[in-house]
């Protein structure tokens, strides 16, 4: 069985990183949603009245921090790609 041909263009060329591409917009939406989920998990124990449920949610603060950091990273990558696309004509 022969090997496939080598790729003719690089996958990370500036043409694939347009500022208004759908992948970048999806990345922004994912980042915002992850950040909101992280904030919700971190702030929920202060607003829940049931002590049992408050303890359960408070124990999952690591998940909240992870979601918040992941969301901020997604938003940062979106901004980075957008700036890079504007810098290159």
Protein backbone atom coordinates (compact mmCIF):
# COMPACT_ATOMS: atom_id res chain seq x y z
CA UNK A 1 0.00 0.00 0.00
CA UNK A 2 1.63 3.32 -1.04
CA UNK A 3 1.92 6.25 1.31
CA UNK A 4 -0.26 9.33 0.74
CA UNK A 5 1.20 12.42 -0.91
CA UNK A 6 2.83 15.05 1.26
CA UNK A 7 0.66 18.05 2.14
CA UNK A 8 1.06 20.99 -0.20
CA UNK A 9 0.30 23.75 2.32
CA UNK A 10 0.85 24.25 6.01
CA UNK A 11 -2.26 23.98 8.20
CA UNK A 12 -1.27 27.02 10.28
CA UNK A 13 -0.96 29.59 7.51
CA UNK A 14 -2.41 33.08 8.01
CA UNK A 15 -5.19 32.38 5.54
CA UNK A 16 -6.68 29.84 7.93
CA UNK A 17 -6.58 32.27 10.86
CA UNK A 18 -8.95 34.95 9.65
CA UNK A 19 -10.37 37.21 12.33
CA UNK A 20 -13.96 36.41 11.39
CA UNK A 21 -13.62 32.68 10.88
CA UNK A 22 -16.16 30.36 12.41
CA UNK A 23 -13.55 28.45 14.43
CA UNK A 24 -12.42 31.63 16.16
CA UNK A 25 -15.98 32.63 16.96
CA UNK A 26 -16.70 29.17 18.34
CA UNK A 27 -13.59 29.44 20.48
CA UNK A 28 -14.85 32.71 21.92
CA UNK A 29 -18.26 31.21 22.71
CA UNK A 30 -16.65 28.19 24.39
CA UNK A 31 -14.40 30.48 26.40
CA UNK A 32 -17.26 32.64 27.63
CA UNK A 33 -19.37 29.62 28.56
CA UNK A 34 -16.50 27.91 30.40
CA UNK A 35 -15.73 31.10 32.30
CA UNK A 36 -19.40 31.50 33.31
CA UNK A 37 -19.58 27.88 34.43
CA UNK A 38 -16.40 28.28 36.45
CA UNK A 39 -17.68 31.44 38.10
CA UNK A 40 -21.00 29.76 38.79
CA UNK A 41 -19.36 26.80 40.51
CA UNK A 42 -17.08 29.06 42.54
CA UNK A 43 -19.80 31.51 43.62
CA UNK A 44 -22.69 29.08 44.11
CA UNK A 45 -21.82 27.97 47.68
CA UNK A 46 -22.38 31.54 48.90
CA UNK A 47 -25.94 31.63 47.55
CA UNK A 48 -27.18 28.07 48.21
CA UNK A 49 -29.23 27.84 51.40
CA UNK A 50 -29.17 24.05 51.86
CA UNK A 51 -26.11 23.08 53.94
CA UNK A 52 -25.79 19.67 52.29
CA UNK A 53 -25.88 21.03 48.78
CA UNK A 54 -23.61 23.90 49.79
CA UNK A 55 -20.99 21.40 50.95
CA UNK A 56 -21.21 19.35 47.77
CA UNK A 57 -20.73 22.39 45.55
CA UNK A 58 -17.96 23.77 47.77
CA UNK A 59 -16.01 20.52 47.39
CA UNK A 60 -16.02 20.94 43.63
CA UNK A 61 -14.15 24.25 43.68
CA UNK A 62 -11.22 22.66 41.84
CA UNK A 63 -13.54 22.00 38.89
CA UNK A 64 -14.69 25.61 39.02
CA UNK A 65 -11.13 26.93 38.96
CA UNK A 66 -10.27 24.60 36.07
CA UNK A 67 -13.29 25.78 34.06
CA UNK A 68 -12.48 29.42 34.78
CA UNK A 69 -8.84 29.06 33.72
CA UNK A 70 -9.82 27.07 30.63
CA UNK A 71 -12.38 29.68 29.65
CA UNK A 72 -9.86 32.49 30.08
CA UNK A 73 -7.35 30.53 28.00
CA UNK A 74 -9.90 30.08 25.19
CA UNK A 75 -10.69 33.79 25.24
CA UNK A 76 -6.96 34.59 25.22
CA UNK A 77 -6.36 32.35 22.20
CA UNK A 78 -9.27 34.01 20.41
CA UNK A 79 -7.82 37.47 21.08
CA UNK A 80 -4.33 36.31 20.08
CA UNK A 81 -5.59 34.93 16.76
CA UNK A 82 -7.58 38.06 16.09
CA UNK A 83 -4.59 40.31 16.70
CA UNK A 84 -2.38 38.09 14.55
CA UNK A 85 -4.90 38.16 11.71
CA UNK A 86 -5.11 41.96 11.82
CA UNK A 87 -1.32 42.33 11.87
CA UNK A 88 -0.85 40.27 8.70
CA UNK A 89 -2.56 41.62 5.58
